C-alpha atoms as a PDB file:
ATOM      1  CA  UNK A   1     136.293 -36.063 211.443  1.00  0.00           C
ATOM      2  CA  UNK A   2     138.089 -35.701 208.149  1.00  0.00           C
ATOM      3  CA  UNK A   3     138.927 -38.780 206.148  1.00  0.00           C
ATOM      4  CA  UNK A   4     142.459 -37.536 205.219  1.00  0.00           C
ATOM      5  CA  UNK A   5     144.558 -34.618 206.461  1.00  0.00           C
ATOM      6  CA  UNK A   6     147.891 -33.739 204.809  1.00  0.00           C
ATOM      7  CA  UNK A   7     149.968 -31.410 207.063  1.00  0.00           C
ATOM      8  CA  UNK A   8     152.936 -29.536 205.667  1.00  0.00           C
ATOM      9  CA  UNK A   9     154.040 -32.522 203.533  1.00  0.00           C
ATOM     10  CA  UNK A  10     157.477 -32.256 201.965  1.00  0.00           C
ATOM     11  CA  UNK A  11     159.445 -34.504 199.573  1.00  0.00           C
ATOM     12  CA  UNK A  12     162.779 -33.316 198.294  1.00  0.00           C
ATOM     13  CA  UNK A  13     164.999 -34.907 195.639  1.00  0.00           C
ATOM     14  CA  UNK A  14     168.606 -33.955 194.913  1.00  0.00           C
ATOM     15  CA  UNK A  15     167.765 -31.374 192.267  1.00  0.00           C
ATOM     16  CA  UNK A  16     163.984 -30.665 192.976  1.00  0.00           C
ATOM     17  CA  UNK A  17     161.473 -29.893 195.661  1.00  0.00           C
ATOM     18  CA  UNK A  18     158.835 -32.344 194.421  1.00  0.00           C
ATOM     19  CA  UNK A  19     156.332 -31.550 197.169  1.00  0.00           C
ATOM     20  CA  UNK A  20     157.085 -28.364 199.093  1.00  0.00           C
ATOM     21  CA  UNK A  21     155.011 -27.826 202.239  1.00  0.00           C
ATOM     22  CA  UNK A  22     151.463 -28.919 201.046  1.00  0.00           C
ATOM     23  CA  UNK A  23     148.531 -29.001 203.361  1.00  0.00           C
ATOM     24  CA  UNK A  24     144.885 -29.930 202.780  1.00  0.00           C
ATOM     25  CA  UNK A  25     142.028 -32.003 204.209  1.00  0.00           C
ATOM     26  CA  UNK A  26     139.385 -34.322 202.724  1.00  0.00           C
ATOM     27  CA  UNK A  27     136.028 -34.926 204.231  1.00  0.00           C
ATOM     28  CA  UNK A  28     134.062 -38.242 204.002  1.00  0.00           C
ATOM     29  CA  UNK A  29     131.961 -38.182 200.806  1.00  0.00           C
ATOM     30  CA  UNK A  30     133.987 -35.407 199.057  1.00  0.00           C
ATOM     31  CA  UNK A  31     135.261 -35.555 195.544  1.00  0.00           C
ATOM     32  CA  UNK A  32     138.525 -33.600 195.481  1.00  0.00           C
ATOM     33  CA  UNK A  33     140.356 -32.455 192.467  1.00  0.00           C
ATOM     34  CA  UNK A  34     144.069 -32.544 192.594  1.00  0.00           C
ATOM     35  CA  UNK A  35     145.276 -30.481 189.601  1.00  0.00           C
ATOM     36  CA  UNK A  36     148.365 -28.994 188.151  1.00  0.00           C
ATOM     37  CA  UNK A  37     150.743 -29.192 185.124  1.00  0.00           C
ATOM     38  CA  UNK A  38     152.847 -32.315 184.501  1.00  0.00           C
ATOM     39  CA  UNK A  39     155.750 -32.230 186.825  1.00  0.00           C
ATOM     40  CA  UNK A  40     153.969 -30.114 189.437  1.00  0.00           C
ATOM     41  CA  UNK A  41     154.310 -32.801 192.192  1.00  0.00           C
ATOM     42  CA  UNK A  42     150.854 -34.529 191.988  1.00  0.00           C
ATOM     43  CA  UNK A  43     152.171 -38.004 191.484  1.00  0.00           C
ATOM     44  CA  UNK A  44     154.697 -37.709 194.313  1.00  0.00           C
ATOM     45  CA  UNK A  45     151.944 -36.430 196.547  1.00  0.00           C
ATOM     46  CA  UNK A  46     149.652 -39.355 195.705  1.00  0.00           C
ATOM     47  CA  UNK A  47     152.469 -41.819 196.214  1.00  0.00           C
ATOM     48  CA  UNK A  48     153.103 -40.546 199.805  1.00  0.00           C
ATOM     49  CA  UNK A  49     149.306 -40.685 200.586  1.00  0.00           C
ATOM     50  CA  UNK A  50     149.237 -44.423 199.403  1.00  0.00           C
ATOM     51  CA  UNK A  51     152.465 -45.243 201.279  1.00  0.00           C
ATOM     52  CA  UNK A  52     154.565 -45.985 198.202  1.00  0.00           C
ATOM     53  CA  UNK A  53     156.862 -43.100 199.156  1.00  0.00           C
ATOM     54  CA  UNK A  54     157.714 -41.730 202.595  1.00  0.00           C
ATOM     55  CA  UNK A  55     157.670 -37.908 203.182  1.00  0.00           C
ATOM     56  CA  UNK A  56     160.807 -36.106 204.312  1.00  0.00           C
ATOM     57  CA  UNK A  57     158.729 -34.006 206.571  1.00  0.00           C
ATOM     58  CA  UNK A  58     155.101 -33.406 207.411  1.00  0.00           C
ATOM     59  CA  UNK A  59     152.278 -35.677 208.506  1.00  0.00           C
ATOM     60  CA  UNK A  60     149.496 -37.741 206.968  1.00  0.00           C
ATOM     61  CA  UNK A  61     146.375 -38.326 209.074  1.00  0.00           C
ATOM     62  CA  UNK A  62     143.960 -41.006 207.951  1.00  0.00           C
ATOM     63  CA  UNK A  63     140.669 -41.563 209.759  1.00  0.00           C
ATOM     64  CA  UNK A  64     141.840 -39.427 212.651  1.00  0.00           C
ATOM     65  CA  UNK A  65     145.127 -41.346 213.142  1.00  0.00           C
ATOM     66  CA  UNK A  66     148.731 -41.028 211.928  1.00  0.00           C
ATOM     67  CA  UNK A  67     148.894 -42.871 208.597  1.00  0.00           C
ATOM     68  CA  UNK A  68     150.234 -46.463 208.965  1.00  0.00           C
ATOM     69  CA  UNK A  69     150.871 -47.905 205.483  1.00  0.00           C
ATOM     70  CA  UNK A  70     150.960 -51.475 206.895  1.00  0.00           C
ATOM     71  CA  UNK A  71     147.318 -51.205 208.020  1.00  0.00           C
ATOM     72  CA  UNK A  72     145.757 -48.339 206.218  1.00  0.00           C
ATOM     73  CA  UNK A  73     146.451 -49.270 202.524  1.00  0.00           C
ATOM     74  CA  UNK A  74     143.762 -51.878 202.883  1.00  0.00           C
ATOM     75  CA  UNK A  75     141.190 -48.980 203.001  1.00  0.00           C
ATOM     76  CA  UNK A  76     142.668 -47.184 200.000  1.00  0.00           C
ATOM     77  CA  UNK A  77     141.933 -47.866 196.356  1.00  0.00           C
ATOM     78  CA  UNK A  78     144.445 -46.337 193.918  1.00  0.00           C
ATOM     79  CA  UNK A  79     143.938 -46.285 190.055  1.00  0.00           C
ATOM     80  CA  UNK A  80     147.220 -45.003 188.494  1.00  0.00           C
ATOM     81  CA  UNK A  81     147.431 -43.356 185.103  1.00  0.00           C
ATOM     82  CA  UNK A  82     149.738 -46.158 184.107  1.00  0.00           C
ATOM     83  CA  UNK A  83     147.957 -49.517 183.823  1.00  0.00           C
ATOM     84  CA  UNK A  84     148.794 -51.995 186.642  1.00  0.00           C
ATOM     85  CA  UNK A  85     147.396 -55.094 184.979  1.00  0.00           C
ATOM     86  CA  UNK A  86     148.886 -58.465 183.998  1.00  0.00           C
ATOM     87  CA  UNK A  87     148.613 -58.592 180.250  1.00  0.00           C
ATOM     88  CA  UNK A  88     148.755 -62.336 179.940  1.00  0.00           C
ATOM     89  CA  UNK A  89     146.367 -63.079 182.845  1.00  0.00           C
ATOM     90  CA  UNK A  90     142.648 -63.833 182.400  1.00  0.00           C
ATOM     91  CA  UNK A  91     140.422 -60.991 183.436  1.00  0.00           C
ATOM     92  CA  UNK A  92     138.412 -62.909 185.850  1.00  0.00           C
ATOM     93  CA  UNK A  93     141.301 -64.589 187.486  1.00  0.00           C
ATOM     94  CA  UNK A  94     143.059 -61.190 187.774  1.00  0.00           C
ATOM     95  CA  UNK A  95     140.126 -59.480 189.395  1.00  0.00           C
ATOM     96  CA  UNK A  96     139.797 -62.318 191.947  1.00  0.00           C
ATOM     97  CA  UNK A  97     143.558 -62.213 192.697  1.00  0.00           C
ATOM     98  CA  UNK A  98     143.527 -58.479 193.222  1.00  0.00           C
ATOM     99  CA  UNK A  99     140.431 -58.617 195.402  1.00  0.00           C
ATOM    100  CA  UNK A 100     142.030 -61.326 197.694  1.00  0.00           C
ATOM    101  CA  UNK A 101     145.216 -59.431 197.653  1.00  0.00           C
ATOM    102  CA  UNK A 102     143.280 -56.498 199.301  1.00  0.00           C
ATOM    103  CA  UNK A 103     142.071 -58.823 202.104  1.00  0.00           C
ATOM    104  CA  UNK A 104     138.794 -60.205 200.840  1.00  0.00           C
ATOM    105  CA  UNK A 105     138.046 -63.855 201.271  1.00  0.00           C
ATOM    106  CA  UNK A 106     137.592 -66.021 198.156  1.00  0.00           C
ATOM    107  CA  UNK A 107     133.835 -66.097 198.606  1.00  0.00           C
ATOM    108  CA  UNK A 108     133.600 -62.324 199.130  1.00  0.00           C
ATOM    109  CA  UNK A 109     135.918 -61.669 196.325  1.00  0.00           C
ATOM    110  CA  UNK A 110     133.770 -63.791 193.943  1.00  0.00           C
ATOM    111  CA  UNK A 111     130.615 -61.943 195.187  1.00  0.00           C
ATOM    112  CA  UNK A 112     132.185 -58.553 194.636  1.00  0.00           C
ATOM    113  CA  UNK A 113     133.699 -59.427 191.136  1.00  0.00           C
ATOM    114  CA  UNK A 114     130.490 -60.741 189.877  1.00  0.00           C
ATOM    115  CA  UNK A 115     128.556 -57.645 191.195  1.00  0.00           C
ATOM    116  CA  UNK A 116     130.885 -55.210 189.397  1.00  0.00           C
ATOM    117  CA  UNK A 117     131.224 -57.325 186.172  1.00  0.00           C
ATOM    118  CA  UNK A 118     127.360 -57.454 185.972  1.00  0.00           C
ATOM    119  CA  UNK A 119     127.113 -53.732 186.637  1.00  0.00           C
ATOM    120  CA  UNK A 120     129.715 -52.941 183.892  1.00  0.00           C
ATOM    121  CA  UNK A 121     128.473 -55.567 181.569  1.00  0.00           C
ATOM    122  CA  UNK A 122     131.812 -57.416 181.652  1.00  0.00           C
ATOM    123  CA  UNK A 123     130.572 -60.911 182.291  1.00  0.00           C
ATOM    124  CA  UNK A 124     131.681 -62.126 178.764  1.00  0.00           C
ATOM    125  CA  UNK A 125     135.170 -60.982 179.475  1.00  0.00           C
ATOM    126  CA  UNK A 126     135.917 -63.322 182.250  1.00  0.00           C
ATOM    127  CA  UNK A 127     138.271 -65.656 180.254  1.00  0.00           C
ATOM    128  CA  UNK A 128     139.809 -62.954 178.024  1.00  0.00           C
ATOM    129  CA  UNK A 129     143.281 -61.617 178.515  1.00  0.00           C
ATOM    130  CA  UNK A 130     144.129 -58.054 179.290  1.00  0.00           C
ATOM    131  CA  UNK A 131     146.226 -57.895 176.201  1.00  0.00           C
ATOM    132  CA  UNK A 132     143.052 -58.669 174.108  1.00  0.00           C
ATOM    133  CA  UNK A 133     141.121 -55.539 175.397  1.00  0.00           C
ATOM    134  CA  UNK A 134     140.914 -52.120 174.010  1.00  0.00           C
ATOM    135  CA  UNK A 135     142.330 -49.252 176.059  1.00  0.00           C
ATOM    136  CA  UNK A 136     138.874 -48.261 177.108  1.00  0.00           C
ATOM    137  CA  UNK A 137     137.983 -51.784 178.270  1.00  0.00           C
ATOM    138  CA  UNK A 138     141.232 -51.955 180.238  1.00  0.00           C
ATOM    139  CA  UNK A 139     140.238 -48.730 181.867  1.00  0.00           C
ATOM    140  CA  UNK A 140     136.912 -50.179 183.060  1.00  0.00           C
ATOM    141  CA  UNK A 141     138.723 -53.191 184.449  1.00  0.00           C
ATOM    142  CA  UNK A 142     141.236 -51.011 186.187  1.00  0.00           C
ATOM    143  CA  UNK A 143     138.425 -49.002 187.770  1.00  0.00           C
ATOM    144  CA  UNK A 144     136.632 -52.089 188.933  1.00  0.00           C
ATOM    145  CA  UNK A 145     139.764 -53.563 190.522  1.00  0.00           C
ATOM    146  CA  UNK A 146     140.342 -50.313 192.339  1.00  0.00           C
ATOM    147  CA  UNK A 147     136.950 -50.234 194.107  1.00  0.00           C
ATOM    148  CA  UNK A 148     136.375 -53.996 194.622  1.00  0.00           C
ATOM    149  CA  UNK A 149     137.182 -53.892 198.320  1.00  0.00           C
ATOM    150  CA  UNK A 150     134.883 -50.823 199.081  1.00  0.00           C
ATOM    151  CA  UNK A 151     137.738 -48.491 199.934  1.00  0.00           C
ATOM    152  CA  UNK A 152     137.195 -45.472 202.172  1.00  0.00           C
ATOM    153  CA  UNK A 153     139.691 -43.440 200.128  1.00  0.00           C
ATOM    154  CA  UNK A 154     139.788 -43.760 196.300  1.00  0.00           C
ATOM    155  CA  UNK A 155     142.401 -42.126 194.287  1.00  0.00           C
ATOM    156  CA  UNK A 156     141.768 -41.887 190.509  1.00  0.00           C
ATOM    157  CA  UNK A 157     144.473 -40.667 188.118  1.00  0.00           C
ATOM    158  CA  UNK A 158     143.028 -39.823 184.686  1.00  0.00           C
ATOM    159  CA  UNK A 159     140.124 -42.393 185.162  1.00  0.00           C
ATOM    160  CA  UNK A 160     138.533 -41.474 181.774  1.00  0.00           C
ATOM    161  CA  UNK A 161     141.417 -41.972 179.555  1.00  0.00           C
ATOM    162  CA  UNK A 162     140.399 -43.990 176.550  1.00  0.00           C
ATOM    163  CA  UNK A 163     136.801 -44.194 177.453  1.00  0.00           C
ATOM    164  CA  UNK A 164     134.010 -43.423 175.015  1.00  0.00           C
ATOM    165  CA  UNK A 165     131.209 -41.046 176.197  1.00  0.00           C
ATOM    166  CA  UNK A 166     128.880 -43.860 177.274  1.00  0.00           C
ATOM    167  CA  UNK A 167     131.547 -45.502 179.537  1.00  0.00           C
ATOM    168  CA  UNK A 168     132.709 -42.115 180.705  1.00  0.00           C
ATOM    169  CA  UNK A 169     129.259 -41.385 181.972  1.00  0.00           C
ATOM    170  CA  UNK A 170     129.074 -44.850 183.545  1.00  0.00           C
ATOM    171  CA  UNK A 171     132.239 -44.200 185.470  1.00  0.00           C
ATOM    172  CA  UNK A 172     131.045 -40.712 186.528  1.00  0.00           C
ATOM    173  CA  UNK A 173     127.889 -42.142 187.885  1.00  0.00           C
ATOM    174  CA  UNK A 174     129.774 -44.727 189.936  1.00  0.00           C
ATOM    175  CA  UNK A 175     132.132 -42.070 191.292  1.00  0.00           C
ATOM    176  CA  UNK A 176     129.167 -39.919 192.479  1.00  0.00           C
ATOM    177  CA  UNK A 177     127.559 -43.044 193.976  1.00  0.00           C
ATOM    178  CA  UNK A 178     130.771 -44.061 195.732  1.00  0.00           C
ATOM    179  CA  UNK A 179     130.832 -40.546 197.211  1.00  0.00           C
ATOM    180  CA  UNK A 180     127.228 -40.688 198.313  1.00  0.00           C
ATOM    181  CA  UNK A 181     128.057 -44.000 200.021  1.00  0.00           C
ATOM    182  CA  UNK A 182     130.787 -42.207 202.071  1.00  0.00           C
ATOM    183  CA  UNK A 183     133.968 -42.785 200.169  1.00  0.00           C
ATOM    184  CA  UNK A 184     136.298 -39.882 199.771  1.00  0.00           C
ATOM    185  CA  UNK A 185     137.714 -39.482 196.260  1.00  0.00           C
ATOM    186  CA  UNK A 186     140.887 -37.722 194.947  1.00  0.00           C
ATOM    187  CA  UNK A 187     140.484 -37.070 191.286  1.00  0.00           C
ATOM    188  CA  UNK A 188     143.567 -36.089 189.294  1.00  0.00           C
ATOM    189  CA  UNK A 189     143.149 -35.064 185.587  1.00  0.00           C
ATOM    190  CA  UNK A 190     144.072 -32.470 182.963  1.00  0.00           C
ATOM    191  CA  UNK A 191     140.482 -32.329 181.746  1.00  0.00           C
ATOM    192  CA  UNK A 192     139.086 -29.185 183.363  1.00  0.00           C
ATOM    193  CA  UNK A 193     135.502 -29.724 182.157  1.00  0.00           C
ATOM    194  CA  UNK A 194     135.466 -32.980 184.044  1.00  0.00           C
ATOM    195  CA  UNK A 195     136.704 -31.285 187.239  1.00  0.00           C
ATOM    196  CA  UNK A 196     133.856 -28.647 187.003  1.00  0.00           C
ATOM    197  CA  UNK A 197     131.326 -31.476 186.516  1.00  0.00           C
ATOM    198  CA  UNK A 198     132.474 -33.812 189.148  1.00  0.00           C
ATOM    199  CA  UNK A 199     134.405 -32.262 191.884  1.00  0.00           C
ATOM    200  CA  UNK A 200     133.187 -30.151 194.795  1.00  0.00           C
ATOM    201  CA  UNK A 201     136.668 -29.035 195.994  1.00  0.00           C
ATOM    202  CA  UNK A 202     139.972 -28.392 194.278  1.00  0.00           C
ATOM    203  CA  UNK A 203     143.595 -27.654 194.899  1.00  0.00           C
ATOM    204  CA  UNK A 204     146.118 -26.609 192.264  1.00  0.00           C
ATOM    205  CA  UNK A 205     149.733 -27.432 192.694  1.00  0.00           C
ATOM    206  CA  UNK A 206     152.622 -25.994 190.754  1.00  0.00           C
ATOM    207  CA  UNK A 207     156.363 -26.643 191.079  1.00  0.00           C
ATOM    208  CA  UNK A 208     155.672 -28.584 194.218  1.00  0.00           C
ATOM    209  CA  UNK A 209     153.615 -25.883 196.006  1.00  0.00           C
ATOM    210  CA  UNK A 210     149.886 -25.403 196.490  1.00  0.00           C
ATOM    211  CA  UNK A 211     148.786 -22.266 194.863  1.00  0.00           C
ATOM    212  CA  UNK A 212     145.026 -22.622 195.141  1.00  0.00           C
ATOM    213  CA  UNK A 213     142.701 -24.402 197.367  1.00  0.00           C
ATOM    214  CA  UNK A 214     138.773 -24.114 197.679  1.00  0.00           C
ATOM    215  CA  UNK A 215     135.375 -25.186 196.430  1.00  0.00           C
ATOM    216  CA  UNK A 216     134.866 -24.996 192.638  1.00  0.00           C
ATOM    217  CA  UNK A 217     132.097 -22.339 193.233  1.00  0.00           C
ATOM    218  CA  UNK A 218     134.308 -20.251 195.558  1.00  0.00           C
ATOM    219  CA  UNK A 219     137.340 -20.437 193.194  1.00  0.00           C
ATOM    220  CA  UNK A 220     135.378 -19.193 190.233  1.00  0.00           C
ATOM    221  CA  UNK A 221     133.800 -16.495 192.236  1.00  0.00           C
ATOM    222  CA  UNK A 222     137.242 -15.404 193.467  1.00  0.00           C
ATOM    223  CA  UNK A 223     138.547 -14.930 189.925  1.00  0.00           C
ATOM    224  CA  UNK A 224     135.470 -13.473 188.208  1.00  0.00           C
ATOM    225  CA  UNK A 225     136.069 -10.338 186.224  1.00  0.00           C
ATOM    226  CA  UNK A 226     132.673  -8.680 186.096  1.00  0.00           C
ATOM    227  CA  UNK A 227     131.951 -10.023 182.584  1.00  0.00           C
ATOM    228  CA  UNK A 228     128.291 -10.408 181.724  1.00  0.00           C
ATOM    229  CA  UNK A 229     126.271 -11.694 178.745  1.00  0.00           C
ATOM    230  CA  UNK A 230     123.379  -9.535 177.594  1.00  0.00           C
ATOM    231  CA  UNK A 231     120.899 -10.843 175.086  1.00  0.00           C
ATOM    232  CA  UNK A 232     118.660  -8.339 173.230  1.00  0.00           C
ATOM    233  CA  UNK A 233     115.853  -8.775 170.693  1.00  0.00           C
ATOM    234  CA  UNK A 234     117.162  -6.163 168.273  1.00  0.00           C
ATOM    235  CA  UNK A 235     120.110  -3.816 167.795  1.00  0.00           C
ATOM    236  CA  UNK A 236     120.435  -1.215 170.486  1.00  0.00           C
ATOM    237  CA  UNK A 237     120.583   2.509 169.688  1.00  0.00           C
ATOM    238  CA  UNK A 238     123.723   3.011 171.848  1.00  0.00           C
ATOM    239  CA  UNK A 239     126.313   0.643 173.560  1.00  0.00           C
ATOM    240  CA  UNK A 240     128.393   3.614 174.826  1.00  0.00           C
ATOM    241  CA  UNK A 241     128.325   3.974 178.565  1.00  0.00           C
ATOM    242  CA  UNK A 242     130.637   5.040 181.548  1.00  0.00           C
ATOM    243  CA  UNK A 243     129.284   1.902 183.363  1.00  0.00           C
ATOM    244  CA  UNK A 244     130.651  -0.817 180.936  1.00  0.00           C
ATOM    245  CA  UNK A 245     132.621  -1.699 177.887  1.00  0.00           C
ATOM    246  CA  UNK A 246     131.461  -4.071 175.192  1.00  0.00           C
ATOM    247  CA  UNK A 247     134.231  -6.555 174.524  1.00  0.00           C
ATOM    248  CA  UNK A 248     132.340  -8.869 172.027  1.00  0.00           C
ATOM    249  CA  UNK A 249     129.272  -8.856 169.891  1.00  0.00           C
ATOM    250  CA  UNK A 250     127.572 -12.005 168.693  1.00  0.00           C
ATOM    251  CA  UNK A 251     124.438 -10.987 166.705  1.00  0.00           C
ATOM    252  CA  UNK A 252     122.043  -9.535 169.380  1.00  0.00           C
ATOM    253  CA  UNK A 253     124.178 -10.806 172.187  1.00  0.00           C
ATOM    254  CA  UNK A 254     126.687  -8.604 173.895  1.00  0.00           C
ATOM    255  CA  UNK A 255     129.580  -9.683 176.034  1.00  0.00           C
ATOM    256  CA  UNK A 256     130.445  -6.697 178.306  1.00  0.00           C
ATOM    257  CA  UNK A 257     132.641  -5.861 181.284  1.00  0.00           C
ATOM    258  CA  UNK A 258     131.192  -3.713 184.066  1.00  0.00           C
ATOM    259  CA  UNK A 259     133.733  -1.045 185.104  1.00  0.00           C
ATOM    260  CA  UNK A 260     134.838  -0.555 188.789  1.00  0.00           C
ATOM    261  CA  UNK A 261     132.392   1.330 190.783  1.00  0.00           C
ATOM    262  CA  UNK A 262     129.350   0.329 188.781  1.00  0.00           C
ATOM    263  CA  UNK A 263     126.832  -2.520 189.179  1.00  0.00           C
ATOM    264  CA  UNK A 264     124.709  -4.811 186.892  1.00  0.00           C
ATOM    265  CA  UNK A 265     121.658  -2.597 187.461  1.00  0.00           C
ATOM    266  CA  UNK A 266     123.549   0.263 185.749  1.00  0.00           C
ATOM    267  CA  UNK A 267     123.832  -1.887 182.641  1.00  0.00           C
ATOM    268  CA  UNK A 268     120.157  -2.815 182.680  1.00  0.00           C
ATOM    269  CA  UNK A 269     119.201   0.732 183.324  1.00  0.00           C
ATOM    270  CA  UNK A 270     121.196   1.836 180.124  1.00  0.00           C
ATOM    271  CA  UNK A 271     119.340  -0.572 177.834  1.00  0.00           C
ATOM    272  CA  UNK A 272     115.841  -0.120 179.462  1.00  0.00           C
ATOM    273  CA  UNK A 273     115.943   3.465 178.440  1.00  0.00           C
ATOM    274  CA  UNK A 274     116.219   2.271 174.734  1.00  0.00           C
ATOM    275  CA  UNK A 275     113.454   0.847 172.433  1.00  0.00           C
ATOM    276  CA  UNK A 276     115.011  -2.728 172.727  1.00  0.00           C
ATOM    277  CA  UNK A 277     113.858  -5.763 174.579  1.00  0.00           C
ATOM    278  CA  UNK A 278     116.174  -7.667 177.058  1.00  0.00           C
ATOM    279  CA  UNK A 279     115.880 -11.426 176.690  1.00  0.00           C
ATOM    280  CA  UNK A 280     118.738 -12.520 179.046  1.00  0.00           C
ATOM    281  CA  UNK A 281     121.353 -11.160 181.303  1.00  0.00           C
ATOM    282  CA  UNK A 282     123.805 -13.149 183.363  1.00  0.00           C
ATOM    283  CA  UNK A 283     127.282 -13.233 184.675  1.00  0.00           C
ATOM    284  CA  UNK A 284     129.984 -15.271 182.911  1.00  0.00           C
ATOM    285  CA  UNK A 285     132.295 -16.897 185.381  1.00  0.00           C
ATOM    286  CA  UNK A 286     135.770 -17.922 184.183  1.00  0.00           C
ATOM    287  CA  UNK A 287     136.379 -21.540 183.541  1.00  0.00           C
ATOM    288  CA  UNK A 288     138.849 -23.517 185.759  1.00  0.00           C
ATOM    289  CA  UNK A 289     141.030 -23.894 182.700  1.00  0.00           C
ATOM    290  CA  UNK A 290     141.237 -20.153 182.307  1.00  0.00           C
ATOM    291  CA  UNK A 291     141.941 -19.627 186.001  1.00  0.00           C
ATOM    292  CA  UNK A 292     144.633 -22.209 186.150  1.00  0.00           C
ATOM    293  CA  UNK A 293     146.430 -21.026 183.006  1.00  0.00           C
ATOM    294  CA  UNK A 294     146.412 -17.540 184.476  1.00  0.00           C
ATOM    295  CA  UNK A 295     147.985 -18.755 187.673  1.00  0.00           C
ATOM    296  CA  UNK A 296     150.737 -20.726 186.150  1.00  0.00           C
ATOM    297  CA  UNK A 297     151.431 -18.164 183.305  1.00  0.00           C
ATOM    298  CA  UNK A 298     155.004 -17.192 183.213  1.00  0.00           C
ATOM    299  CA  UNK A 299     156.254 -20.301 184.874  1.00  0.00           C
ATOM    300  CA  UNK A 300     158.329 -22.819 183.028  1.00  0.00           C
ATOM    301  CA  UNK A 301     155.357 -25.184 183.094  1.00  0.00           C
ATOM    302  CA  UNK A 302     152.765 -22.801 181.783  1.00  0.00           C
ATOM    303  CA  UNK A 303     152.918 -23.667 178.131  1.00  0.00           C
ATOM    304  CA  UNK A 304     152.926 -27.387 178.882  1.00  0.00           C
ATOM    305  CA  UNK A 305     149.684 -26.857 181.098  1.00  0.00           C
ATOM    306  CA  UNK A 306     147.958 -24.808 178.345  1.00  0.00           C
ATOM    307  CA  UNK A 307     148.759 -27.575 175.800  1.00  0.00           C
ATOM    308  CA  UNK A 308     147.286 -30.187 178.036  1.00  0.00           C
ATOM    309  CA  UNK A 309     143.972 -28.346 178.322  1.00  0.00           C
ATOM    310  CA  UNK A 310     143.714 -27.214 174.636  1.00  0.00           C
END
């Protein structure tokens, strides 16, 4: 049974189709990348999944049943890009308050807060105020308050914003562990390298519509362009061939594109006939950033998306 099913979801505003007939499903333990340019409809989609907004049409199925915000939000953890913390409130008191707001008893809330504060080395922060923390420290607190109640569905919007590499890796490890423990995670970001590292499945939305859906591996295979890297131990006698074209030379490394109708073995055969050693030969798959830029190119949001991933 899927953790979450979104079926033909729609949300229209007066001058805009914010979400226009989007469907997808999310299995338990999956890390799901929700991607797209600013203004593509991601935030509206998340707000419907969390019960903040109601769809104009379509259906949300949570744990096999029609989504009921009154009951189901207790099993959802949502970390928005905009901070939802009380700046003047002490951190320990705030974590306790939010844990109990999510239905935990005071004793259980204290146990969970202490557990996460120790894990993230936040014990000394207990009596500090949010306004006294750096952006990165606030981000760690926001993550902790999102997962305190052990939610079955976790939605993270730009969770690594403001974090240094050490704390980014800490959060990544916890995301992977939460998924291993059965939580389903929706991960929204503009950082494509993080998506490739963390997510097992992605969808791309643009102008309110889903334009790509699949595993990270299958998406990259779908958009590959027969480009290979060939490493040699010396300069070849010839790089002219009907089977391929050389598109870049980096010392003794050739970046080449195999032409239609030919195979990688044709490339190897060409160079094995020459007095040159082959050190490496592998296919270069496109990055998710390259794929997404290509898909939104020519739309009003293409330039904005490229800038976000620069």
